[in-house]
PDB file of all heavy atoms in Angstrom:
ATOM      1  N   ALA A   1     132.898  93.856  75.225  1.00  0.00           N
ATOM      2  CA  ALA A   1     131.829  93.090  75.878  1.00  0.00           C
ATOM      3  C   ALA A   1     130.643  92.934  74.931  1.00  0.00           C
ATOM      4  O   ALA A   1     130.168  93.915  74.352  1.00  0.00           O
ATOM      5  CB  ALA A   1     131.395  93.782  77.163  1.00  0.00           C
ATOM      6  N   GLU A   2     130.176  91.707  74.766  1.00  0.00           N
ATOM      7  CA  GLU A   2     129.063  91.422  73.861  1.00  0.00           C
ATOM      8  C   GLU A   2     127.711  91.387  74.578  1.00  0.00           C
ATOM      9  O   GLU A   2     126.683  91.723  73.988  1.00  0.00           O
ATOM     10  CB  GLU A   2     129.289  90.086  73.158  1.00  0.00           C
ATOM     11  CG  GLU A   2     130.495  90.065  72.254  1.00  0.00           C
ATOM     12  CD  GLU A   2     130.690  88.732  71.581  1.00  0.00           C
ATOM     13  OE1 GLU A   2     130.411  87.685  72.220  1.00  0.00           O
ATOM     14  OE2 GLU A   2     131.118  88.710  70.409  1.00  0.00           O
ATOM     15  N   GLU A   3     127.714  90.967  75.815  1.00  0.00           N
ATOM     16  CA  GLU A   3     126.488  90.883  76.609  1.00  0.00           C
ATOM     17  C   GLU A   3     126.797  91.185  78.063  1.00  0.00           C
ATOM     18  O   GLU A   3     127.890  90.897  78.552  1.00  0.00           O
ATOM     19  CB  GLU A   3     125.869  89.473  76.553  1.00  0.00           C
ATOM     20  CG  GLU A   3     125.190  89.110  75.272  1.00  0.00           C
ATOM     21  CD  GLU A   3     124.521  87.749  75.374  1.00  0.00           C
ATOM     22  OE1 GLU A   3     124.586  87.112  76.446  1.00  0.00           O
ATOM     23  OE2 GLU A   3     123.943  87.303  74.362  1.00  0.00           O
ATOM     24  N   ARG A   4     125.808  91.765  78.721  1.00  0.00           N
ATOM     25  CA  ARG A   4     125.877  91.967  80.163  1.00  0.00           C
ATOM     26  C   ARG A   4     124.581  91.461  80.770  1.00  0.00           C
ATOM     27  O   ARG A   4     123.516  91.602  80.158  1.00  0.00           O
ATOM     28  CB  ARG A   4     126.074  93.451  80.497  1.00  0.00           C
ATOM     29  CG  ARG A   4     127.393  94.022  79.991  1.00  0.00           C
ATOM     30  CD  ARG A   4     127.393  95.534  80.070  1.00  0.00           C
ATOM     31  NE  ARG A   4     128.690  96.102  79.724  1.00  0.00           N
ATOM     32  CZ  ARG A   4     129.110  96.356  78.502  1.00  0.00           C
ATOM     33  NH1 ARG A   4     128.322  96.086  77.466  1.00  0.00           N
ATOM     34  NH2 ARG A   4     130.302  96.887  78.282  1.00  0.00           N
ATOM     35  N   SER A   5     124.676  90.881  81.947  1.00  0.00           N
ATOM     36  CA  SER A   5     123.485  90.366  82.624  1.00  0.00           C
ATOM     37  C   SER A   5     123.396  90.921  84.035  1.00  0.00           C
ATOM     38  O   SER A   5     124.418  91.060  84.724  1.00  0.00           O
ATOM     39  CB  SER A   5     123.513  88.831  82.687  1.00  0.00           C
ATOM     40  OG  SER A   5     123.472  88.270  81.394  1.00  0.00           O
ATOM     41  N   TYR A   6     122.168  91.224  84.442  1.00  0.00           N
ATOM     42  CA  TYR A   6     121.892  91.707  85.792  1.00  0.00           C
ATOM     43  C   TYR A   6     120.784  90.872  86.416  1.00  0.00           C
ATOM     44  O   TYR A   6     119.976  90.256  85.714  1.00  0.00           O
ATOM     45  CB  TYR A   6     121.414  93.167  85.769  1.00  0.00           C
ATOM     46  CG  TYR A   6     122.476  94.201  85.524  1.00  0.00           C
ATOM     47  CD1 TYR A   6     122.833  94.563  84.224  1.00  0.00           C
ATOM     48  CD2 TYR A   6     123.116  94.838  86.582  1.00  0.00           C
ATOM     49  CE1 TYR A   6     123.803  95.540  83.990  1.00  0.00           C
ATOM     50  CE2 TYR A   6     124.082  95.810  86.357  1.00  0.00           C
ATOM     51  CZ  TYR A   6     124.418  96.152  85.065  1.00  0.00           C
ATOM     52  OH  TYR A   6     125.381  97.117  84.840  1.00  0.00           O
ATOM     53  N   GLU A   7     120.759  90.879  87.735  1.00  0.00           N
ATOM     54  CA  GLU A   7     119.607  90.338  88.442  1.00  0.00           C
ATOM     55  C   GLU A   7     119.211  91.317  89.541  1.00  0.00           C
ATOM     56  O   GLU A   7     120.050  92.064  90.063  1.00  0.00           O
ATOM     57  CB  GLU A   7     119.880  88.947  89.011  1.00  0.00           C
ATOM     58  CG  GLU A   7     120.895  88.871  90.115  1.00  0.00           C
ATOM     59  CD  GLU A   7     121.132  87.432  90.575  1.00  0.00           C
ATOM     60  OE1 GLU A   7     120.849  86.492  89.812  1.00  0.00           O
ATOM     61  OE2 GLU A   7     121.624  87.263  91.706  1.00  0.00           O
ATOM     62  N   TYR A   8     117.905  91.298  89.842  1.00  0.00           N
ATOM     63  CA  TYR A   8     117.388  92.151  90.916  1.00  0.00           C
ATOM     64  C   TYR A   8     116.618  91.286  91.888  1.00  0.00           C
ATOM     65  O   TYR A   8     115.769  90.482  91.478  1.00  0.00           O
ATOM     66  CB  TYR A   8     116.490  93.263  90.363  1.00  0.00           C
ATOM     67  CG  TYR A   8     116.256  94.354  91.386  1.00  0.00           C
ATOM     68  CD1 TYR A   8     117.131  95.418  91.494  1.00  0.00           C
ATOM     69  CD2 TYR A   8     115.193  94.270  92.291  1.00  0.00           C
ATOM     70  CE1 TYR A   8     116.954  96.404  92.471  1.00  0.00           C
ATOM     71  CE2 TYR A   8     115.013  95.245  93.272  1.00  0.00           C
ATOM     72  CZ  TYR A   8     115.897  96.300  93.358  1.00  0.00           C
ATOM     73  OH  TYR A   8     115.727  97.255  94.325  1.00  0.00           O
ATOM     74  N   LEU A   9     116.902  91.435  93.190  1.00  0.00           N
ATOM     75  CA  LEU A   9     116.311  90.599  94.218  1.00  0.00           C
ATOM     76  C   LEU A   9     115.261  91.366  95.005  1.00  0.00           C
ATOM     77  O   LEU A   9     115.502  92.501  95.435  1.00  0.00           O
ATOM     78  CB  LEU A   9     117.379  90.082  95.186  1.00  0.00           C
ATOM     79  CG  LEU A   9     118.591  89.352  94.583  1.00  0.00           C
ATOM     80  CD1 LEU A   9     119.468  88.798  95.701  1.00  0.00           C
ATOM     81  CD2 LEU A   9     118.161  88.255  93.637  1.00  0.00           C
ATOM     82  N   ILE A  10     114.119  90.716  95.204  1.00  0.00           N
ATOM     83  CA  ILE A  10     113.028  91.298  95.988  1.00  0.00           C
ATOM     84  C   ILE A  10     112.630  90.312  97.069  1.00  0.00           C
ATOM     85  O   ILE A  10     112.379  89.126  96.790  1.00  0.00           O
ATOM     86  CB  ILE A  10     111.824  91.632  95.096  1.00  0.00           C
ATOM     87  CG1 ILE A  10     112.181  92.790  94.160  1.00  0.00           C
ATOM     88  CG2 ILE A  10     110.590  91.976  95.941  1.00  0.00           C
ATOM     89  CD1 ILE A  10     111.096  93.135  93.181  1.00  0.00           C
ATOM     90  N   SER A  11     112.575  90.795  98.302  1.00  0.00           N
ATOM     91  CA  SER A  11     112.113  89.973  99.418  1.00  0.00           C
ATOM     92  C   SER A  11     110.641  90.288  99.680  1.00  0.00           C
ATOM     93  O   SER A  11     110.279  91.454  99.857  1.00  0.00           O
ATOM     94  CB  SER A  11     112.931  90.256 100.675  1.00  0.00           C
ATOM     95  OG  SER A  11     112.417  89.536 101.775  1.00  0.00           O
ATOM     96  N   PRO A  12     109.772  89.274  99.693  1.00  0.00           N
ATOM     97  CA  PRO A  12     108.341  89.515  99.911  1.00  0.00           C
ATOM     98  C   PRO A  12     107.980  89.708 101.386  1.00  0.00           C
ATOM     99  O   PRO A  12     106.812  89.876 101.720  1.00  0.00           O
ATOM    100  CB  PRO A  12     107.696  88.253  99.344  1.00  0.00           C
ATOM    101  CG  PRO A  12     108.716  87.180  99.554  1.00  0.00           C
ATOM    102  CD  PRO A  12     110.058  87.856  99.392  1.00  0.00           C
ATOM    103  N   ARG A  13     108.965  89.655 102.245  1.00  0.00           N
ATOM    104  CA  ARG A  13     108.721  89.857 103.674  1.00  0.00           C
ATOM    105  C   ARG A  13     109.930  90.578 104.272  1.00  0.00           C
ATOM    106  O   ARG A  13     111.027  90.555 103.699  1.00  0.00           O
ATOM    107  CB  ARG A  13     108.524  88.519 104.382  1.00  0.00           C
ATOM    108  CG  ARG A  13     109.747  87.626 104.353  1.00  0.00           C
ATOM    109  CD  ARG A  13     109.488  86.250 104.930  1.00  0.00           C
ATOM    110  NE  ARG A  13     110.675  85.431 104.925  1.00  0.00           N
ATOM    111  CZ  ARG A  13     111.141  84.792 103.870  1.00  0.00           C
ATOM    112  NH1 ARG A  13     110.508  84.877 102.711  1.00  0.00           N
ATOM    113  NH2 ARG A  13     112.235  84.057 103.948  1.00  0.00           N
ATOM    114  N   LYS A  14     109.704  91.207 105.421  1.00  0.00           N
ATOM    115  CA  LYS A  14     110.825  91.852 106.096  1.00  0.00           C
ATOM    116  C   LYS A  14     111.781  90.788 106.602  1.00  0.00           C
ATOM    117  O   LYS A  14     111.391  89.885 107.334  1.00  0.00           O
ATOM    118  CB  LYS A  14     110.324  92.698 107.273  1.00  0.00           C
ATOM    119  CG  LYS A  14     111.426  93.456 107.975  1.00  0.00           C
ATOM    120  CD  LYS A  14     110.902  94.302 109.117  1.00  0.00           C
ATOM    121  CE  LYS A  14     112.042  95.045 109.805  1.00  0.00           C
ATOM    122  NZ  LYS A  14     111.584  95.863 110.942  1.00  0.00           N
ATOM    123  N   ASP A  15     113.031  90.878 106.142  1.00  0.00           N
ATOM    124  CA  ASP A  15     114.021  89.857 106.463  1.00  0.00           C
ATOM    125  C   ASP A  15     115.341  90.546 106.775  1.00  0.00           C
ATOM    126  O   ASP A  15     115.941  91.167 105.889  1.00  0.00           O
ATOM    127  CB  ASP A  15     114.182  88.897 105.279  1.00  0.00           C
ATOM    128  CG  ASP A  15     115.056  87.699 105.593  1.00  0.00           C
ATOM    129  OD1 ASP A  15     115.961  87.830 106.436  1.00  0.00           O
ATOM    130  OD2 ASP A  15     114.841  86.635 104.992  1.00  0.00           O
ATOM    131  N   PRO A  16     115.821  90.464 108.014  1.00  0.00           N
ATOM    132  CA  PRO A  16     117.068  91.158 108.371  1.00  0.00           C
ATOM    133  C   PRO A  16     118.275  90.696 107.573  1.00  0.00           C
ATOM    134  O   PRO A  16     119.244  91.442 107.426  1.00  0.00           O
ATOM    135  CB  PRO A  16     117.232  90.857 109.863  1.00  0.00           C
ATOM    136  CG  PRO A  16     116.398  89.649 110.127  1.00  0.00           C
ATOM    137  CD  PRO A  16     115.254  89.738 109.167  1.00  0.00           C
ATOM    138  N   PHE A  17     118.207  89.468 107.040  1.00  0.00           N
ATOM    139  CA  PHE A  17     119.345  88.952 106.282  1.00  0.00           C
ATOM    140  C   PHE A  17     119.384  89.486 104.850  1.00  0.00           C
ATOM    141  O   PHE A  17     120.358  89.296 104.129  1.00  0.00           O
ATOM    142  CB  PHE A  17     119.330  87.427 106.291  1.00  0.00           C
ATOM    143  CG  PHE A  17     119.479  86.849 107.668  1.00  0.00           C
ATOM    144  CD1 PHE A  17     118.380  86.322 108.339  1.00  0.00           C
ATOM    145  CD2 PHE A  17     120.696  86.866 108.319  1.00  0.00           C
ATOM    146  CE1 PHE A  17     118.499  85.808 109.617  1.00  0.00           C
ATOM    147  CE2 PHE A  17     120.832  86.356 109.606  1.00  0.00           C
ATOM    148  CZ  PHE A  17     119.723  85.831 110.256  1.00  0.00           C
ATOM    149  N   TYR A  18     118.316  90.156 104.434  1.00  0.00           N
ATOM    150  CA  TYR A  18     118.278  90.765 103.100  1.00  0.00           C
ATOM    151  C   TYR A  18     118.234  92.293 103.165  1.00  0.00           C
ATOM    152  O   TYR A  18     118.034  92.940 102.145  1.00  0.00           O
ATOM    153  CB  TYR A  18     117.064  90.262 102.318  1.00  0.00           C
ATOM    154  CG  TYR A  18     117.220  88.875 101.749  1.00  0.00           C
ATOM    155  CD1 TYR A  18     116.376  87.846 102.132  1.00  0.00           C
ATOM    156  CD2 TYR A  18     118.207  88.592 100.801  1.00  0.00           C
ATOM    157  CE1 TYR A  18     116.510  86.563 101.612  1.00  0.00           C
ATOM    158  CE2 TYR A  18     118.352  87.327 100.270  1.00  0.00           C
ATOM    159  CZ  TYR A  18     117.497  86.307 100.684  1.00  0.00           C
ATOM    160  OH  TYR A  18     117.637  85.059 100.148  1.00  0.00           O
ATOM    161  N   LYS A  19     118.428  92.854 104.346  1.00  0.00           N
ATOM    162  CA  LYS A  19     118.239  94.311 104.486  1.00  0.00           C
ATOM    163  C   LYS A  19     119.199  95.113 103.614  1.00  0.00           C
ATOM    164  O   LYS A  19     118.862  96.229 103.191  1.00  0.00           O
ATOM    165  CB  LYS A  19     118.373  94.723 105.953  1.00  0.00           C
ATOM    166  CG  LYS A  19     119.776  94.634 106.535  1.00  0.00           C
ATOM    167  CD  LYS A  19     119.775  95.059 108.001  1.00  0.00           C
ATOM    168  CE  LYS A  19     121.182  95.026 108.576  1.00  0.00           C
ATOM    169  NZ  LYS A  19     122.050  96.072 108.003  1.00  0.00           N
ATOM    170  N   ASP A  20     120.375  94.579 103.308  1.00  0.00           N
ATOM    171  CA  ASP A  20     121.349  95.287 102.474  1.00  0.00           C
ATOM    172  C   ASP A  20     121.514  94.670 101.093  1.00  0.00           C
ATOM    173  O   ASP A  20     122.373  95.103 100.319  1.00  0.00           O
ATOM    174  CB  ASP A  20     122.719  95.317 103.159  1.00  0.00           C
ATOM    175  CG  ASP A  20     122.708  96.138 104.432  1.00  0.00           C
ATOM    176  OD1 ASP A  20     122.000  97.161 104.477  1.00  0.00           O
ATOM    177  OD2 ASP A  20     123.409  95.748 105.390  1.00  0.00           O
ATOM    178  N   SER A  21     120.720  93.639 100.788  1.00  0.00           N
ATOM    179  CA  SER A  21     120.967  92.911  99.544  1.00  0.00           C
ATOM    180  C   SER A  21     119.718  92.635  98.713  1.00  0.00           C
ATOM    181  O   SER A  21     119.814  92.013  97.659  1.00  0.00           O
ATOM    182  CB  SER A  21     121.655  91.572  99.855  1.00  0.00           C
ATOM    183  OG  SER A  21     120.876  90.805 100.758  1.00  0.00           O
ATOM    184  N   ALA A  22     118.555  93.080  99.179  1.00  0.00           N
ATOM    185  CA  ALA A  22     117.314  92.884  98.424  1.00  0.00           C
ATOM    186  C   ALA A  22     116.331  93.982  98.790  1.00  0.00           C
ATOM    187  O   ALA A  22     116.414  94.594  99.871  1.00  0.00           O
ATOM    188  CB  ALA A  22     116.709  91.514  98.711  1.00  0.00           C
ATOM    189  N   HIS A  23     115.390  94.230  97.912  1.00  0.00           N
ATOM    190  CA  HIS A  23     114.359  95.253  98.112  1.00  0.00           C
ATOM    191  C   HIS A  23     113.107  94.585  98.685  1.00  0.00           C
ATOM    192  O   HIS A  23     112.599  93.607  98.124  1.00  0.00           O
ATOM    193  CB  HIS A  23     114.044  95.917  96.776  1.00  0.00           C
ATOM    194  CG  HIS A  23     113.015  97.002  96.844  1.00  0.00           C
ATOM    195  ND1 HIS A  23     112.848  97.820  97.943  1.00  0.00           N
ATOM    196  CD2 HIS A  23     112.086  97.406  95.927  1.00  0.00           C
ATOM    197  CE1 HIS A  23     111.876  98.683  97.697  1.00  0.00           C
ATOM    198  NE2 HIS A  23     111.395  98.444  96.492  1.00  0.00           N
ATOM    199  N   TYR A  24     112.638  95.102  99.800  1.00  0.00           N
ATOM    200  CA  TYR A  24     111.460  94.538 100.463  1.00  0.00           C
ATOM    201  C   TYR A  24     110.179  95.128  99.858  1.00  0.00           C
ATOM    202  O   TYR A  24     109.986  96.343  99.854  1.00  0.00           O
ATOM    203  CB  TYR A  24     111.533  94.833 101.956  1.00  0.00           C
ATOM    204  CG  TYR A  24     110.258  94.614 102.742  1.00  0.00           C
ATOM    205  CD1 TYR A  24     109.484  93.462 102.559  1.00  0.00           C
ATOM    206  CD2 TYR A  24     109.841  95.542 103.685  1.00  0.00           C
ATOM    207  CE1 TYR A  24     108.317  93.264 103.290  1.00  0.00           C
ATOM    208  CE2 TYR A  24     108.686  95.353 104.432  1.00  0.00           C
ATOM    209  CZ  TYR A  24     107.924  94.216 104.218  1.00  0.00           C
ATOM    210  OH  TYR A  24     106.772  94.026 104.937  1.00  0.00           O
ATOM    211  N   ILE A  25     109.318  94.258  99.325  1.00  0.00           N
ATOM    212  CA  ILE A  25     108.012  94.650  98.784  1.00  0.00           C
ATOM    213  C   ILE A  25     106.946  93.823  99.494  1.00  0.00           C
ATOM    214  O   ILE A  25     106.917  92.589  99.366  1.00  0.00           O
ATOM    215  CB  ILE A  25     107.917  94.386  97.265  1.00  0.00           C
ATOM    216  CG1 ILE A  25     108.905  95.254  96.492  1.00  0.00           C
ATOM    217  CG2 ILE A  25     106.489  94.630  96.764  1.00  0.00           C
ATOM    218  CD1 ILE A  25     108.517  96.706  96.382  1.00  0.00           C
ATOM    219  N   ARG A  26     106.059  94.479 100.235  1.00  0.00           N
ATOM    220  CA  ARG A  26     105.078  93.735 101.021  1.00  0.00           C
ATOM    221  C   ARG A  26     103.814  93.390 100.232  1.00  0.00           C
ATOM    222  O   ARG A  26     103.029  92.548 100.658  1.00  0.00           O
ATOM    223  CB  ARG A  26     104.697  94.524 102.272  1.00  0.00           C
ATOM    224  CG  ARG A  26     103.965  95.819 102.029  1.00  0.00           C
ATOM    225  CD  ARG A  26     103.723  96.559 103.337  1.00  0.00           C
ATOM    226  NE  ARG A  26     103.016  97.820 103.163  1.00  0.00           N
ATOM    227  CZ  ARG A  26     101.692  97.934 103.181  1.00  0.00           C
ATOM    228  NH1 ARG A  26     100.944  96.867 103.335  1.00  0.00           N
ATOM    229  NH2 ARG A  26     101.120  99.121 103.024  1.00  0.00           N
ATOM    230  N   PHE A  27     103.614  94.024  99.069  1.00  0.00           N
ATOM    231  CA  PHE A  27     102.406  93.776  98.293  1.00  0.00           C
ATOM    232  C   PHE A  27     102.538  92.494  97.464  1.00  0.00           C
ATOM    233  O   PHE A  27     103.631  92.188  96.972  1.00  0.00           O
ATOM    234  CB  PHE A  27     102.118  94.958  97.358  1.00  0.00           C
ATOM    235  CG  PHE A  27     101.977  96.265  98.077  1.00  0.00           C
ATOM    236  CD1 PHE A  27     102.986  97.222  98.002  1.00  0.00           C
ATOM    237  CD2 PHE A  27     100.853  96.539  98.827  1.00  0.00           C
ATOM    238  CE1 PHE A  27     102.861  98.432  98.664  1.00  0.00           C
ATOM    239  CE2 PHE A  27     100.718  97.750  99.502  1.00  0.00           C
ATOM    240  CZ  PHE A  27     101.728  98.690  99.424  1.00  0.00           C
ATOM    241  N   PRO A  28     101.459  91.747  97.264  1.00  0.00           N
ATOM    242  CA  PRO A  28     101.511  90.565  96.396  1.00  0.00           C
ATOM    243  C   PRO A  28     101.872  90.978  94.963  1.00  0.00           C
ATOM    244  O   PRO A  28     101.443  92.040  94.495  1.00  0.00           O
ATOM    245  CB  PRO A  28     100.079  90.013  96.460  1.00  0.00           C
ATOM    246  CG  PRO A  28      99.487  90.588  97.695  1.00  0.00           C
ATOM    247  CD  PRO A  28     100.122  91.927  97.884  1.00  0.00           C
ATOM    248  N   LEU A  29     102.654  90.155  94.290  1.00  0.00           N
ATOM    249  CA  LEU A  29     103.085  90.448  92.925  1.00  0.00           C
ATOM    250  C   LEU A  29     102.563  89.389  91.964  1.00  0.00           C
ATOM    251  O   LEU A  29     102.686  88.189  92.233  1.00  0.00           O
ATOM    252  CB  LEU A  29     104.618  90.501  92.852  1.00  0.00           C
ATOM    253  CG  LEU A  29     105.311  91.583  93.686  1.00  0.00           C
ATOM    254  CD1 LEU A  29     106.826  91.408  93.630  1.00  0.00           C
ATOM    255  CD2 LEU A  29     104.918  92.978  93.206  1.00  0.00           C
ATOM    256  N   ASP A  30     102.012  89.832  90.846  1.00  0.00           N
ATOM    257  CA  ASP A  30     101.521  88.931  89.805  1.00  0.00           C
ATOM    258  C   ASP A  30     102.649  88.704  88.806  1.00  0.00           C
ATOM    259  O   ASP A  30     102.833  89.483  87.869  1.00  0.00           O
ATOM    260  CB  ASP A  30     100.302  89.549  89.120  1.00  0.00           C
ATOM    261  CG  ASP A  30      99.626  88.597  88.133  1.00  0.00           C
ATOM    262  OD1 ASP A  30     100.309  87.688  87.633  1.00  0.00           O
ATOM    263  OD2 ASP A  30      98.416  88.778  87.866  1.00  0.00           O
ATOM    264  N   LEU A  31     103.407  87.629  89.018  1.00  0.00           N
ATOM    265  CA  LEU A  31     104.563  87.372  88.164  1.00  0.00           C
ATOM    266  C   LEU A  31     104.178  87.041  86.738  1.00  0.00           C
ATOM    267  O   LEU A  31     104.946  87.313  85.805  1.00  0.00           O
ATOM    268  CB  LEU A  31     105.428  86.253  88.761  1.00  0.00           C
ATOM    269  CG  LEU A  31     106.645  86.729  89.574  1.00  0.00           C
ATOM    270  CD1 LEU A  31     106.200  87.553  90.759  1.00  0.00           C
ATOM    271  CD2 LEU A  31     107.490  85.555  90.022  1.00  0.00           C
ATOM    272  N   ASP A  32     103.008  86.470  86.526  1.00  0.00           N
ATOM    273  CA  ASP A  32     102.567  86.178  85.155  1.00  0.00           C
ATOM    274  C   ASP A  32     102.418  87.477  84.361  1.00  0.00           C
ATOM    275  O   ASP A  32     102.882  87.574  83.214  1.00  0.00           O
ATOM    276  CB  ASP A  32     101.244  85.412  85.163  1.00  0.00           C
ATOM    277  CG  ASP A  32     101.399  83.979  85.653  1.00  0.00           C
ATOM    278  OD1 ASP A  32     102.532  83.447  85.562  1.00  0.00           O
ATOM    279  OD2 ASP A  32     100.409  83.393  86.118  1.00  0.00           O
ATOM    280  N   GLN A  33     101.779  88.469  84.963  1.00  0.00           N
ATOM    281  CA  GLN A  33     101.632  89.758  84.289  1.00  0.00           C
ATOM    282  C   GLN A  33     102.987  90.452  84.123  1.00  0.00           C
ATOM    283  O   GLN A  33     103.260  91.082  83.092  1.00  0.00           O
ATOM    284  CB  GLN A  33     100.672  90.650  85.079  1.00  0.00           C
ATOM    285  CG  GLN A  33      99.219  90.265  84.957  1.00  0.00           C
ATOM    286  CD  GLN A  33      98.714  90.387  83.522  1.00  0.00           C
ATOM    287  OE1 GLN A  33      98.801  91.440  82.910  1.00  0.00           O
ATOM    288  NE2 GLN A  33      98.204  89.282  82.982  1.00  0.00           N
ATOM    289  N   MET A  34     103.831  90.323  85.124  1.00  0.00           N
ATOM    290  CA  MET A  34     105.154  90.949  85.045  1.00  0.00           C
ATOM    291  C   MET A  34     105.995  90.316  83.942  1.00  0.00           C
ATOM    292  O   MET A  34     106.739  91.011  83.234  1.00  0.00           O
ATOM    293  CB  MET A  34     105.858  90.843  86.402  1.00  0.00           C
ATOM    294  CG  MET A  34     105.177  91.701  87.484  1.00  0.00           C
ATOM    295  SD  MET A  34     105.602  91.219  89.170  1.00  0.00           S
ATOM    296  CE  MET A  34     107.289  91.818  89.283  1.00  0.00           C
ATOM    297  N   ASN A  35     105.877  89.014  83.767  1.00  0.00           N
ATOM    298  CA  ASN A  35     106.609  88.353  82.688  1.00  0.00           C
ATOM    299  C   ASN A  35     106.028  88.696  81.316  1.00  0.00           C
ATOM    300  O   ASN A  35     106.767  88.803  80.329  1.00  0.00           O
ATOM    301  CB  ASN A  35     106.630  86.840  82.903  1.00  0.00           C
ATOM    302  CG  ASN A  35     107.740  86.412  83.850  1.00  0.00           C
ATOM    303  OD1 ASN A  35     108.836  86.972  83.819  1.00  0.00           O
ATOM    304  ND2 ASN A  35     107.463  85.433  84.701  1.00  0.00           N
ATOM    305  N   SER A  36     104.713  88.880  81.246  1.00  0.00           N
ATOM    306  CA  SER A  36     104.107  89.314  79.985  1.00  0.00           C
ATOM    307  C   SER A  36     104.627  90.693  79.601  1.00  0.00           C
ATOM    308  O   SER A  36     104.931  90.959  78.428  1.00  0.00           O
ATOM    309  CB  SER A  36     102.581  89.349  80.106  1.00  0.00           C
ATOM    310  OG  SER A  36     102.061  88.047  80.286  1.00  0.00           O
ATOM    311  N   ALA A  37     104.732  91.560  80.589  1.00  0.00           N
ATOM    312  CA  ALA A  37     105.273  92.897  80.334  1.00  0.00           C
ATOM    313  C   ALA A  37     106.752  92.837  79.977  1.00  0.00           C
ATOM    314  O   ALA A  37     107.224  93.568  79.096  1.00  0.00           O
ATOM    315  CB  ALA A  37     105.058  93.780  81.557  1.00  0.00           C
ATOM    316  N   ALA A  38     107.501  91.967  80.647  1.00  0.00           N
ATOM    317  CA  ALA A  38     108.943  91.847  80.391  1.00  0.00           C
ATOM    318  C   ALA A  38     109.217  91.402  78.960  1.00  0.00           C
ATOM    319  O   ALA A  38     110.210  91.819  78.350  1.00  0.00           O
ATOM    320  CB  ALA A  38     109.568  90.870  81.381  1.00  0.00           C
ATOM    321  N   GLU A  39     108.341  90.574  78.396  1.00  0.00           N
ATOM    322  CA  GLU A  39     108.528  90.101  77.027  1.00  0.00           C
ATOM    323  C   GLU A  39     108.475  91.238  76.013  1.00  0.00           C
ATOM    324  O   GLU A  39     109.043  91.145  74.924  1.00  0.00           O
ATOM    325  CB  GLU A  39     107.473  89.043  76.688  1.00  0.00           C
ATOM    326  CG  GLU A  39     107.687  87.727  77.412  1.00  0.00           C
ATOM    327  CD  GLU A  39     106.601  86.706  77.094  1.00  0.00           C
ATOM    328  OE1 GLU A  39     105.702  87.042  76.283  1.00  0.00           O
ATOM    329  OE2 GLU A  39     106.659  85.600  77.646  1.00  0.00           O
TER     330      GLU A  39
END
């Protein structure tokens, strides 16, 4: 294997359809800062 890829799902609200498939985070997220850190 040369590369592996993952994704992580976050639900910004309580959603019964994501209860087993995404992480619920109720706080606002600054994606610009998160992408700066990811770089």
